Amino acid sequence: MNIYDYIINDYKPDMGKRIRACRLESNLTQENMAEILDISVKHYSEVERGITGLSVEKLIYLSHLFDTSLDYLLKGNGEAASLPYILAEVYRSCPNEKKDHLIELVKNLAELLKN
């Protein structure tokens, strides 16, 4: 095996583990992920196990879905998502003129949960 093959194939198991961790953090099943990515459950399972990879387009989509960088998903550089999937999705779908209200609401909710 040449160095190129090693580099290209070596990233898949660790990337799969990072994608799995993001999925679990977001309370999504493998079935949910397969549906979101429009791939079979078998293919998605193989991604998490490091057997196969994903297209660049699907990786970009995952980086947005999990609010994390491609660098983190591919190489483990940086940090994992700072927001669970559902919170990031709510924020992204909120009209720009209402985002300040949403942030204020979340801050107030956080204060209530502390008490």
PDB file of N, CA and C in Angstrom:
ATOM      1  N   MET A   1       0.849  -1.181   0.000  1.00  0.00           N
ATOM      2  CA  MET A   1       0.000   0.000   0.000  1.00  0.00           C
ATOM      3  C   MET A   1       0.891   1.240   0.000  1.00  0.00           C
ATOM      4  N   ASN A   2       0.625   2.160  -0.920  1.00  0.00           N
ATOM      5  CA  ASN A   2       1.414   3.390  -0.952  1.00  0.00           C
ATOM      6  C   ASN A   2       0.858   4.394   0.053  1.00  0.00           C
ATOM      7  N   ILE A   3       1.586   5.475   0.265  1.00  0.00           N
ATOM      8  CA  ILE A   3       1.216   6.457   1.282  1.00  0.00           C
ATOM      9  C   ILE A   3      -0.134   7.109   0.974  1.00  0.00           C
ATOM     10  N   TYR A   4      -0.416   7.343  -0.302  1.00  0.00           N
ATOM     11  CA  TYR A   4      -1.695   7.940  -0.695  1.00  0.00           C
ATOM     12  C   TYR A   4      -2.852   7.044  -0.277  1.00  0.00           C
ATOM     13  N   ASP A   5      -2.770   5.754  -0.582  1.00  0.00           N
ATOM     14  CA  ASP A   5      -3.829   4.820  -0.209  1.00  0.00           C
ATOM     15  C   ASP A   5      -4.003   4.761   1.300  1.00  0.00           C
ATOM     16  N   TYR A   6      -2.888   4.796   2.015  1.00  0.00           N
ATOM     17  CA  TYR A   6      -2.943   4.752   3.471  1.00  0.00           C
ATOM     18  C   TYR A   6      -3.687   5.969   4.017  1.00  0.00           C
ATOM     19  N   ILE A   7      -3.335   7.150   3.530  1.00  0.00           N
ATOM     20  CA  ILE A   7      -3.964   8.383   4.015  1.00  0.00           C
ATOM     21  C   ILE A   7      -5.437   8.401   3.654  1.00  0.00           C
ATOM     22  N   ILE A   8      -5.778   8.036   2.433  1.00  0.00           N
ATOM     23  CA  ILE A   8      -7.153   8.080   1.968  1.00  0.00           C
ATOM     24  C   ILE A   8      -8.036   7.096   2.730  1.00  0.00           C
ATOM     25  N   ASN A   9      -7.547   5.916   3.034  1.00  0.00           N
ATOM     26  CA  ASN A   9      -8.365   4.906   3.698  1.00  0.00           C
ATOM     27  C   ASN A   9      -8.290   4.968   5.216  1.00  0.00           C
ATOM     28  N   ASP A  10      -7.237   5.545   5.760  1.00  0.00           N
ATOM     29  CA  ASP A  10      -7.043   5.552   7.201  1.00  0.00           C
ATOM     30  C   ASP A  10      -8.008   6.490   7.928  1.00  0.00           C
ATOM     31  N   TYR A  11      -8.507   7.503   7.274  1.00  0.00           N
ATOM     32  CA  TYR A  11      -9.369   8.473   7.942  1.00  0.00           C
ATOM     33  C   TYR A  11     -10.764   7.925   8.226  1.00  0.00           C
ATOM     34  N   LYS A  12     -11.201   6.935   7.479  1.00  0.00           N
ATOM     35  CA  LYS A  12     -12.597   6.494   7.542  1.00  0.00           C
ATOM     36  C   LYS A  12     -13.031   5.978   8.920  1.00  0.00           C
ATOM     37  N   PRO A  13     -12.267   5.106   9.585  1.00  0.00           N
ATOM     38  CA  PRO A  13     -12.734   4.635  10.907  1.00  0.00           C
ATOM     39  C   PRO A  13     -12.899   5.751  11.934  1.00  0.00           C
ATOM     40  N   ASP A  14     -11.933   6.672  11.983  1.00  0.00           N
ATOM     41  CA  ASP A  14     -12.028   7.765  12.954  1.00  0.00           C
ATOM     42  C   ASP A  14     -13.135   8.744  12.580  1.00  0.00           C
ATOM     43  N   MET A  15     -13.286   9.013  11.285  1.00  0.00           N
ATOM     44  CA  MET A  15     -14.367   9.881  10.842  1.00  0.00           C
ATOM     45  C   MET A  15     -15.711   9.257  11.207  1.00  0.00           C
ATOM     46  N   GLY A  16     -15.844   7.965  10.984  1.00  0.00           N
ATOM     47  CA  GLY A  16     -17.081   7.265  11.324  1.00  0.00           C
ATOM     48  C   GLY A  16     -17.411   7.392  12.801  1.00  0.00           C
ATOM     49  N   LYS A  17     -16.393   7.288  13.652  1.00  0.00           N
ATOM     50  CA  LYS A  17     -16.608   7.435  15.098  1.00  0.00           C
ATOM     51  C   LYS A  17     -17.073   8.843  15.447  1.00  0.00           C
ATOM     52  N   ARG A  18     -16.497   9.851  14.782  1.00  0.00           N
ATOM     53  CA  ARG A  18     -16.904  11.230  15.056  1.00  0.00           C
ATOM     54  C   ARG A  18     -18.334  11.488  14.578  1.00  0.00           C
ATOM     55  N   ILE A  19     -18.677  10.960  13.409  1.00  0.00           N
ATOM     56  CA  ILE A  19     -20.041  11.124  12.907  1.00  0.00           C
ATOM     57  C   ILE A  19     -21.021  10.421  13.836  1.00  0.00           C
ATOM     58  N   ARG A  20     -20.660   9.234  14.308  1.00  0.00           N
ATOM     59  CA  ARG A  20     -21.522   8.492  15.237  1.00  0.00           C
ATOM     60  C   ARG A  20     -21.737   9.305  16.516  1.00  0.00           C
ATOM     61  N   ALA A  21     -20.657   9.884  17.046  1.00  0.00           N
ATOM     62  CA  ALA A  21     -20.766  10.679  18.276  1.00  0.00           C
ATOM     63  C   ALA A  21     -21.691  11.881  18.059  1.00  0.00           C
ATOM     64  N   CYS A  22     -21.578  12.542  16.917  1.00  0.00           N
ATOM     65  CA  CYS A  22     -22.464  13.675  16.606  1.00  0.00           C
ATOM     66  C   CYS A  22     -23.909  13.206  16.498  1.00  0.00           C
ATOM     67  N   ARG A  23     -24.107  12.063  15.867  1.00  0.00           N
ATOM     68  CA  ARG A  23     -25.467  11.514  15.721  1.00  0.00           C
ATOM     69  C   ARG A  23     -26.077  11.228  17.084  1.00  0.00           C
ATOM     70  N   LEU A  24     -25.313  10.571  17.952  1.00  0.00           N
ATOM     71  CA  LEU A  24     -25.823  10.229  19.279  1.00  0.00           C
ATOM     72  C   LEU A  24     -26.090  11.484  20.108  1.00  0.00           C
ATOM     73  N   GLU A  25     -25.211  12.473  19.995  1.00  0.00           N
ATOM     74  CA  GLU A  25     -25.398  13.742  20.715  1.00  0.00           C
ATOM     75  C   GLU A  25     -26.696  14.420  20.290  1.00  0.00           C
ATOM     76  N   SER A  26     -27.077  14.195  19.036  1.00  0.00           N
ATOM     77  CA  SER A  26     -28.295  14.805  18.496  1.00  0.00           C
ATOM     78  C   SER A  26     -29.517  13.906  18.635  1.00  0.00           C
ATOM     79  N   ASN A  27     -29.356  12.792  19.329  1.00  0.00           N
ATOM     80  CA  ASN A  27     -30.460  11.852  19.549  1.00  0.00           C
ATOM     81  C   ASN A  27     -31.101  11.370  18.249  1.00  0.00           C
ATOM     82  N   LEU A  28     -30.273  11.091  17.266  1.00  0.00           N
ATOM     83  CA  LEU A  28     -30.742  10.565  15.989  1.00  0.00           C
ATOM     84  C   LEU A  28     -30.340   9.098  15.875  1.00  0.00           C
ATOM     85  N   THR A  29     -31.165   8.315  15.188  1.00  0.00           N
ATOM     86  CA  THR A  29     -30.850   6.912  14.943  1.00  0.00           C
ATOM     87  C   THR A  29     -30.103   6.777  13.618  1.00  0.00           C
ATOM     88  N   GLN A  30     -29.533   5.609  13.385  1.00  0.00           N
ATOM     89  CA  GLN A  30     -28.915   5.356  12.086  1.00  0.00           C
ATOM     90  C   GLN A  30     -29.965   5.455  10.985  1.00  0.00           C
ATOM     91  N   GLU A  31     -31.172   5.025  11.275  1.00  0.00           N
ATOM     92  CA  GLU A  31     -32.251   5.111  10.294  1.00  0.00           C
ATOM     93  C   GLU A  31     -32.565   6.562   9.966  1.00  0.00           C
ATOM     94  N   ASN A  32     -32.604   7.427  11.006  1.00  0.00           N
ATOM     95  CA  ASN A  32     -32.823   8.859  10.777  1.00  0.00           C
ATOM     96  C   ASN A  32     -31.737   9.430   9.866  1.00  0.00           C
ATOM     97  N   MET A  33     -30.493   9.074  10.172  1.00  0.00           N
ATOM     98  CA  MET A  33     -29.369   9.603   9.404  1.00  0.00           C
ATOM     99  C   MET A  33     -29.408   9.129   7.955  1.00  0.00           C
ATOM    100  N   ALA A  34     -29.727   7.869   7.756  1.00  0.00           N
ATOM    101  CA  ALA A  34     -29.810   7.349   6.393  1.00  0.00           C
ATOM    102  C   ALA A  34     -30.871   8.099   5.606  1.00  0.00           C
ATOM    103  N   GLU A  35     -31.991   8.364   6.256  1.00  0.00           N
ATOM    104  CA  GLU A  35     -33.070   9.104   5.594  1.00  0.00           C
ATOM    105  C   GLU A  35     -32.643  10.545   5.297  1.00  0.00           C
ATOM    106  N   ILE A  36     -32.018  11.191   6.265  1.00  0.00           N
ATOM    107  CA  ILE A  36     -31.551  12.569   6.086  1.00  0.00           C
ATOM    108  C   ILE A  36     -30.564  12.661   4.924  1.00  0.00           C
ATOM    109  N   LEU A  37     -29.659  11.683   4.836  1.00  0.00           N
ATOM    110  CA  LEU A  37     -28.620  11.700   3.805  1.00  0.00           C
ATOM    111  C   LEU A  37     -29.059  11.049   2.495  1.00  0.00           C
ATOM    112  N   ASP A  38     -30.259  10.480   2.491  1.00  0.00           N
ATOM    113  CA  ASP A  38     -30.794   9.808   1.308  1.00  0.00           C
ATOM    114  C   ASP A  38     -29.872   8.674   0.842  1.00  0.00           C
ATOM    115  N   ILE A  39     -29.490   7.848   1.826  1.00  0.00           N
ATOM    116  CA  ILE A  39     -28.699   6.656   1.547  1.00  0.00           C
ATOM    117  C   ILE A  39     -29.337   5.495   2.307  1.00  0.00           C
ATOM    118  N   SER A  40     -28.893   4.292   2.024  1.00  0.00           N
ATOM    119  CA  SER A  40     -29.442   3.136   2.731  1.00  0.00           C
ATOM    120  C   SER A  40     -28.903   3.080   4.164  1.00  0.00           C
ATOM    121  N   VAL A  41     -29.641   2.407   5.022  1.00  0.00           N
ATOM    122  CA  VAL A  41     -29.191   2.219   6.400  1.00  0.00           C
ATOM    123  C   VAL A  41     -27.882   1.418   6.405  1.00  0.00           C
ATOM    124  N   LYS A  42     -27.777   0.453   5.515  1.00  0.00           N
ATOM    125  CA  LYS A  42     -26.546  -0.354   5.407  1.00  0.00           C
ATOM    126  C   LYS A  42     -25.354   0.539   5.069  1.00  0.00           C
ATOM    127  N   HIS A  43     -25.529   1.418   4.088  1.00  0.00           N
ATOM    128  CA  HIS A  43     -24.439   2.332   3.717  1.00  0.00           C
ATOM    129  C   HIS A  43     -24.074   3.219   4.897  1.00  0.00           C
ATOM    130  N   TYR A  44     -25.085   3.779   5.574  1.00  0.00           N
ATOM    131  CA  TYR A  44     -24.787   4.649   6.702  1.00  0.00           C
ATOM    132  C   TYR A  44     -24.053   3.881   7.806  1.00  0.00           C
ATOM    133  N   SER A  45     -24.496   2.674   8.076  1.00  0.00           N
ATOM    134  CA  SER A  45     -23.834   1.841   9.083  1.00  0.00           C
ATOM    135  C   SER A  45     -22.365   1.618   8.712  1.00  0.00           C
ATOM    136  N   GLU A  46     -22.102   1.412   7.439  1.00  0.00           N
ATOM    137  CA  GLU A  46     -20.722   1.215   6.974  1.00  0.00           C
ATOM    138  C   GLU A  46     -19.894   2.492   7.131  1.00  0.00           C
ATOM    139  N   VAL A  47     -20.524   3.642   7.018  1.00  0.00           N
ATOM    140  CA  VAL A  47     -19.823   4.907   7.241  1.00  0.00           C
ATOM    141  C   VAL A  47     -19.379   4.984   8.698  1.00  0.00           C
ATOM    142  N   GLU A  48     -20.288   4.706   9.618  1.00  0.00           N
ATOM    143  CA  GLU A  48     -19.940   4.777  11.044  1.00  0.00           C
ATOM    144  C   GLU A  48     -18.880   3.750  11.420  1.00  0.00           C
ATOM    145  N   ARG A  49     -18.871   2.614  10.756  1.00  0.00           N
ATOM    146  CA  ARG A  49     -17.877   1.576  11.053  1.00  0.00           C
ATOM    147  C   ARG A  49     -16.568   1.797  10.303  1.00  0.00           C
ATOM    148  N   GLY A  50     -16.491   2.830   9.481  1.00  0.00           N
ATOM    149  CA  GLY A  50     -15.249   3.143   8.783  1.00  0.00           C
ATOM    150  C   GLY A  50     -14.985   2.298   7.567  1.00  0.00           C
ATOM    151  N   ILE A  51     -15.984   1.611   7.062  1.00  0.00           N
ATOM    152  CA  ILE A  51     -15.808   0.749   5.893  1.00  0.00           C
ATOM    153  C   ILE A  51     -15.857   1.572   4.610  1.00  0.00           C
ATOM    154  N   THR A  52     -16.712   2.569   4.600  1.00  0.00           N
ATOM    155  CA  THR A  52     -16.865   3.421   3.419  1.00  0.00           C
ATOM    156  C   THR A  52     -16.955   4.872   3.854  1.00  0.00           C
ATOM    157  N   GLY A  53     -16.873   5.776   2.901  1.00  0.00           N
ATOM    158  CA  GLY A  53     -16.964   7.197   3.202  1.00  0.00           C
ATOM    159  C   GLY A  53     -18.250   7.795   2.655  1.00  0.00           C
ATOM    160  N   LEU A  54     -18.302   9.089   2.653  1.00  0.00           N
ATOM    161  CA  LEU A  54     -19.445   9.829   2.119  1.00  0.00           C
ATOM    162  C   LEU A  54     -18.938  10.800   1.055  1.00  0.00           C
ATOM    163  N   SER A  55     -19.836  11.221   0.186  1.00  0.00           N
ATOM    164  CA  SER A  55     -19.472  12.220  -0.818  1.00  0.00           C
ATOM    165  C   SER A  55     -19.166  13.540  -0.130  1.00  0.00           C
ATOM    166  N   VAL A  56     -18.448  14.387  -0.822  1.00  0.00           N
ATOM    167  CA  VAL A  56     -18.132  15.716  -0.298  1.00  0.00           C
ATOM    168  C   VAL A  56     -19.420  16.467   0.015  1.00  0.00           C
ATOM    169  N   GLU A  57     -20.405  16.350  -0.861  1.00  0.00           N
ATOM    170  CA  GLU A  57     -21.673  17.051  -0.652  1.00  0.00           C
ATOM    171  C   GLU A  57     -22.344  16.603   0.645  1.00  0.00           C
ATOM    172  N   LYS A  58     -22.333  15.301   0.910  1.00  0.00           N
ATOM    173  CA  LYS A  58     -22.975  14.788   2.124  1.00  0.00           C
ATOM    174  C   LYS A  58     -22.174  15.189   3.368  1.00  0.00           C
ATOM    175  N   LEU A  59     -20.858  15.226   3.260  1.00  0.00           N
ATOM    176  CA  LEU A  59     -20.041  15.676   4.387  1.00  0.00           C
ATOM    177  C   LEU A  59     -20.282  17.155   4.687  1.00  0.00           C
ATOM    178  N   ILE A  60     -20.402  17.966   3.655  1.00  0.00           N
ATOM    179  CA  ILE A  60     -20.719  19.380   3.856  1.00  0.00           C
ATOM    180  C   ILE A  60     -22.074  19.510   4.538  1.00  0.00           C
ATOM    181  N   TYR A  61     -23.037  18.724   4.078  1.00  0.00           N
ATOM    182  CA  TYR A  61     -24.359  18.756   4.695  1.00  0.00           C
ATOM    183  C   TYR A  61     -24.276  18.380   6.177  1.00  0.00           C
ATOM    184  N   LEU A  62     -23.511  17.332   6.499  1.00  0.00           N
ATOM    185  CA  LEU A  62     -23.368  16.921   7.899  1.00  0.00           C
ATOM    186  C   LEU A  62     -22.718  18.016   8.736  1.00  0.00           C
ATOM    187  N   SER A  63     -21.743  18.710   8.170  1.00  0.00           N
ATOM    188  CA  SER A  63     -21.094  19.777   8.941  1.00  0.00           C
ATOM    189  C   SER A  63     -22.103  20.865   9.298  1.00  0.00           C
ATOM    190  N   HIS A  64     -23.033  21.153   8.402  1.00  0.00           N
ATOM    191  CA  HIS A  64     -24.088  22.124   8.706  1.00  0.00           C
ATOM    192  C   HIS A  64     -25.105  21.537   9.681  1.00  0.00           C
ATOM    193  N   LEU A  65     -25.477  20.294   9.448  1.00  0.00           N
ATOM    194  CA  LEU A  65     -26.463  19.625  10.292  1.00  0.00           C
ATOM    195  C   LEU A  65     -26.015  19.592  11.750  1.00  0.00           C
ATOM    196  N   PHE A  66     -24.747  19.272  11.966  1.00  0.00           N
ATOM    197  CA  PHE A  66     -24.222  19.147  13.323  1.00  0.00           C
ATOM    198  C   PHE A  66     -23.522  20.419  13.802  1.00  0.00           C
ATOM    199  N   ASP A  67     -23.556  21.463  12.991  1.00  0.00           N
ATOM    200  CA  ASP A  67     -22.932  22.737  13.351  1.00  0.00           C
ATOM    201  C   ASP A  67     -21.483  22.530  13.770  1.00  0.00           C
ATOM    202  N   THR A  68     -20.736  21.839  12.920  1.00  0.00           N
ATOM    203  CA  THR A  68     -19.332  21.566  13.184  1.00  0.00           C
ATOM    204  C   THR A  68     -18.539  21.732  11.892  1.00  0.00           C
ATOM    205  N   SER A  69     -17.238  21.719  11.981  1.00  0.00           N
ATOM    206  CA  SER A  69     -16.417  21.946  10.793  1.00  0.00           C
ATOM    207  C   SER A  69     -16.135  20.647  10.046  1.00  0.00           C
ATOM    208  N   LEU A  70     -15.871  20.796   8.761  1.00  0.00           N
ATOM    209  CA  LEU A  70     -15.428  19.645   7.964  1.00  0.00           C
ATOM    210  C   LEU A  70     -14.103  19.120   8.499  1.00  0.00           C
ATOM    211  N   ASP A  71     -13.261  20.026   8.955  1.00  0.00           N
ATOM    212  CA  ASP A  71     -11.966  19.626   9.495  1.00  0.00           C
ATOM    213  C   ASP A  71     -12.144  18.693  10.688  1.00  0.00           C
ATOM    214  N   TYR A  72     -13.131  18.982  11.518  1.00  0.00           N
ATOM    215  CA  TYR A  72     -13.400  18.101  12.652  1.00  0.00           C
ATOM    216  C   TYR A  72     -13.917  16.739  12.168  1.00  0.00           C
ATOM    217  N   LEU A  73     -14.888  16.750  11.270  1.00  0.00           N
ATOM    218  CA  LEU A  73     -15.454  15.481  10.799  1.00  0.00           C
ATOM    219  C   LEU A  73     -14.404  14.617  10.116  1.00  0.00           C
ATOM    220  N   LEU A  74     -13.594  15.218   9.256  1.00  0.00           N
ATOM    221  CA  LEU A  74     -12.624  14.447   8.480  1.00  0.00           C
ATOM    222  C   LEU A  74     -11.371  14.071   9.267  1.00  0.00           C
ATOM    223  N   LYS A  75     -10.824  15.045  10.005  1.00  0.00           N
ATOM    224  CA  LYS A  75      -9.521  14.808  10.628  1.00  0.00           C
ATOM    225  C   LYS A  75      -9.522  14.868  12.147  1.00  0.00           C
ATOM    226  N   GLY A  76     -10.627  15.295  12.742  1.00  0.00           N
ATOM    227  CA  GLY A  76     -10.678  15.382  14.192  1.00  0.00           C
ATOM    228  C   GLY A  76     -10.050  16.643  14.744  1.00  0.00           C
ATOM    229  N   ASN A  77      -9.716  17.592  13.878  1.00  0.00           N
ATOM    230  CA  ASN A  77      -9.130  18.859  14.327  1.00  0.00           C
ATOM    231  C   ASN A  77     -10.236  19.786  14.811  1.00  0.00           C
ATOM    232  N   GLY A  78      -9.980  20.472  15.893  1.00  0.00           N
ATOM    233  CA  GLY A  78     -10.978  21.381  16.438  1.00  0.00           C
ATOM    234  C   GLY A  78     -11.894  20.646  17.391  1.00  0.00           C
ATOM    235  N   GLU A  79     -13.071  21.199  17.557  1.00  0.00           N
ATOM    236  CA  GLU A  79     -14.023  20.646  18.516  1.00  0.00           C
ATOM    237  C   GLU A  79     -15.263  20.136  17.810  1.00  0.00           C
ATOM    238  N   ALA A  80     -15.961  19.267  18.505  1.00  0.00           N
ATOM    239  CA  ALA A  80     -17.234  18.755  18.005  1.00  0.00           C
ATOM    240  C   ALA A  80     -18.271  19.868  18.047  1.00  0.00           C
ATOM    241  N   ALA A  81     -19.444  19.550  17.607  1.00  0.00           N
ATOM    242  CA  ALA A  81     -20.537  20.523  17.565  1.00  0.00           C
ATOM    243  C   ALA A  81     -20.754  21.146  18.935  1.00  0.00           C
ATOM    244  N   SER A  82     -21.044  22.427  18.927  1.00  0.00           N
ATOM    245  CA  SER A  82     -21.312  23.104  20.185  1.00  0.00           C
ATOM    246  C   SER A  82     -22.801  23.111  20.510  1.00  0.00           C
ATOM    247  N   LEU A  83     -23.624  22.859  19.520  1.00  0.00           N
ATOM    248  CA  LEU A  83     -25.070  22.833  19.719  1.00  0.00           C
ATOM    249  C   LEU A  83     -25.638  21.503  19.252  1.00  0.00           C
ATOM    250  N   PRO A  84     -26.591  20.958  19.986  1.00  0.00           N
ATOM    251  CA  PRO A  84     -27.274  19.770  19.472  1.00  0.00           C
ATOM    252  C   PRO A  84     -27.986  20.114  18.163  1.00  0.00           C
ATOM    253  N   TYR A  85     -28.146  19.133  17.336  1.00  0.00           N
ATOM    254  CA  TYR A  85     -28.748  19.281  16.008  1.00  0.00           C
ATOM    255  C   TYR A  85     -30.029  20.102  16.047  1.00  0.00           C
ATOM    256  N   ILE A  86     -30.930  19.777  16.947  1.00  0.00           N
ATOM    257  CA  ILE A  86     -32.238  20.426  16.950  1.00  0.00           C
ATOM    258  C   ILE A  86     -32.125  21.917  17.260  1.00  0.00           C
ATOM    259  N   LEU A  87     -31.240  22.302  18.169  1.00  0.00           N
ATOM    260  CA  LEU A  87     -31.079  23.729  18.478  1.00  0.00           C
ATOM    261  C   LEU A  87     -30.474  24.484  17.305  1.00  0.00           C
ATOM    262  N   ALA A  88     -29.479  23.887  16.669  1.00  0.00           N
ATOM    263  CA  ALA A  88     -28.880  24.525  15.495  1.00  0.00           C
ATOM    264  C   ALA A  88     -29.906  24.672  14.380  1.00  0.00           C
ATOM    265  N   GLU A  89     -30.739  23.657  14.196  1.00  0.00           N
ATOM    266  CA  GLU A  89     -31.757  23.691  13.146  1.00  0.00           C
ATOM    267  C   GLU A  89     -32.818  24.759  13.444  1.00  0.00           C
ATOM    268  N   VAL A  90     -33.225  24.885  14.691  1.00  0.00           N
ATOM    269  CA  VAL A  90     -34.203  25.913  15.061  1.00  0.00           C
ATOM    270  C   VAL A  90     -33.618  27.299  14.806  1.00  0.00           C
ATOM    271  N   TYR A  91     -32.372  27.504  15.198  1.00  0.00           N
ATOM    272  CA  TYR A  91     -31.736  28.805  14.989  1.00  0.00           C
ATOM    273  C   TYR A  91     -31.617  29.124  13.503  1.00  0.00           C
ATOM    274  N   ARG A  92     -31.158  28.157  12.703  1.00  0.00           N
ATOM    275  CA  ARG A  92     -31.007  28.390  11.263  1.00  0.00           C
ATOM    276  C   ARG A  92     -32.337  28.686  10.585  1.00  0.00           C
ATOM    277  N   SER A  93     -33.413  28.064  11.046  1.00  0.00           N
ATOM    278  CA  SER A  93     -34.704  28.242  10.389  1.00  0.00           C
ATOM    279  C   SER A  93     -35.449  29.491  10.881  1.00  0.00           C
ATOM    280  N   CYS A  94     -34.948  30.096  11.926  1.00  0.00           N
ATOM    281  CA  CYS A  94     -35.586  31.294  12.486  1.00  0.00           C
ATOM    282  C   CYS A  94     -35.321  32.493  11.570  1.00  0.00           C
ATOM    283  N   PRO A  95     -36.351  33.303  11.298  1.00  0.00           N
ATOM    284  CA  PRO A  95     -36.131  34.515  10.486  1.00  0.00           C
ATOM    285  C   PRO A  95     -35.098  35.420  11.161  1.00  0.00           C
ATOM    286  N   ASN A  96     -34.264  36.064  10.389  1.00  0.00           N
ATOM    287  CA  ASN A  96     -33.184  36.903  10.930  1.00  0.00           C
ATOM    288  C   ASN A  96     -33.690  37.941  11.917  1.00  0.00           C
ATOM    289  N   GLU A  97     -34.831  38.528  11.631  1.00  0.00           N
ATOM    290  CA  GLU A  97     -35.342  39.581  12.515  1.00  0.00           C
ATOM    291  C   GLU A  97     -35.835  39.024  13.855  1.00  0.00           C
ATOM    292  N   LYS A  98     -35.965  37.711  13.981  1.00  0.00           N
ATOM    293  CA  LYS A  98     -36.443  37.100  15.231  1.00  0.00           C
ATOM    294  C   LYS A  98     -35.331  36.380  16.005  1.00  0.00           C
ATOM    295  N   LYS A  99     -34.130  36.307  15.431  1.00  0.00           N
ATOM    296  CA  LYS A  99     -33.042  35.559  16.070  1.00  0.00           C
ATOM    297  C   LYS A  99     -32.662  36.137  17.430  1.00  0.00           C
ATOM    298  N   ASP A 100     -32.688  37.455  17.577  1.00  0.00           N
ATOM    299  CA  ASP A 100     -32.379  38.058  18.883  1.00  0.00           C
ATOM    300  C   ASP A 100     -33.389  37.617  19.932  1.00  0.00           C
ATOM    301  N   HIS A 101     -34.654  37.526  19.548  1.00  0.00           N
ATOM    302  CA  HIS A 101     -35.701  37.081  20.474  1.00  0.00           C
ATOM    303  C   HIS A 101     -35.484  35.617  20.866  1.00  0.00           C
ATOM    304  N   LEU A 102     -35.103  34.806  19.893  1.00  0.00           N
ATOM    305  CA  LEU A 102     -34.846  33.392  20.167  1.00  0.00           C
ATOM    306  C   LEU A 102     -33.689  33.236  21.151  1.00  0.00           C
ATOM    307  N   ILE A 103     -32.632  33.986  20.957  1.00  0.00           N
ATOM    308  CA  ILE A 103     -31.480  33.916  21.861  1.00  0.00           C
ATOM    309  C   ILE A 103     -31.883  34.350  23.266  1.00  0.00           C
ATOM    310  N   GLU A 104     -32.650  35.403  23.354  1.00  0.00           N
ATOM    311  CA  GLU A 104     -33.120  35.881  24.665  1.00  0.00           C
ATOM    312  C   GLU A 104     -33.984  34.815  25.339  1.00  0.00           C
ATOM    313  N   LEU A 105     -34.834  34.178  24.571  1.00  0.00           N
ATOM    314  CA  LEU A 105     -35.696  33.118  25.096  1.00  0.00           C
ATOM    315  C   LEU A 105     -34.861  31.954  25.640  1.00  0.00           C
ATOM    316  N   VAL A 106     -33.848  31.562  24.901  1.00  0.00           N
ATOM    317  CA  VAL A 106     -32.984  30.452  25.338  1.00  0.00           C
ATOM    318  C   VAL A 106     -32.219  30.842  26.602  1.00  0.00           C
ATOM    319  N   LYS A 107     -31.740  32.076  26.669  1.00  0.00           N
ATOM    320  CA  LYS A 107     -31.041  32.547  27.876  1.00  0.00           C
ATOM    321  C   LYS A 107     -31.965  32.496  29.088  1.00  0.00           C
ATOM    322  N   ASN A 108     -33.206  32.946  28.910  1.00  0.00           N
ATOM    323  CA  ASN A 108     -34.168  32.921  30.014  1.00  0.00           C
ATOM    324  C   ASN A 108     -34.480  31.480  30.431  1.00  0.00           C
ATOM    325  N   LEU A 109     -34.612  30.617  29.471  1.00  0.00           N
ATOM    326  CA  LEU A 109     -34.858  29.206  29.767  1.00  0.00           C
ATOM    327  C   LEU A 109     -33.674  28.609  30.542  1.00  0.00           C
ATOM    328  N   ALA A 110     -32.477  28.952  30.146  1.00  0.00           N
ATOM    329  CA  ALA A 110     -31.293  28.451  30.839  1.00  0.00           C
ATOM    330  C   ALA A 110     -31.278  28.915  32.301  1.00  0.00           C
ATOM    331  N   GLU A 111     -31.660  30.158  32.528  1.00  0.00           N
ATOM    332  CA  GLU A 111     -31.747  30.677  33.904  1.00  0.00           C
ATOM    333  C   GLU A 111     -32.801  29.912  34.720  1.00  0.00           C
ATOM    334  N   LEU A 112     -33.937  29.639  34.121  1.00  0.00           N
ATOM    335  CA  LEU A 112     -34.980  28.879  34.813  1.00  0.00           C
ATOM    336  C   LEU A 112     -34.511  27.476  35.173  1.00  0.00           C
ATOM    337  N   LEU A 113     -33.761  26.863  34.278  1.00  0.00           N
ATOM    338  CA  LEU A 113     -33.295  25.495  34.510  1.00  0.00           C
ATOM    339  C   LEU A 113     -32.221  25.428  35.591  1.00  0.00           C
ATOM    340  N   LYS A 114     -31.491  26.521  35.819  1.00  0.00           N
ATOM    341  CA  LYS A 114     -30.470  26.556  36.865  1.00  0.00           C
ATOM    342  C   LYS A 114     -31.096  26.493  38.259  1.00  0.00           C
ATOM    343  N   ASN A 115     -32.274  27.062  38.383  1.00  0.00           N
ATOM    344  CA  ASN A 115     -32.932  27.154  39.703  1.00  0.00           C
ATOM    345  C   ASN A 115     -33.685  25.902  40.036  1.00  0.00           C
TER     346      ASN A 115
END
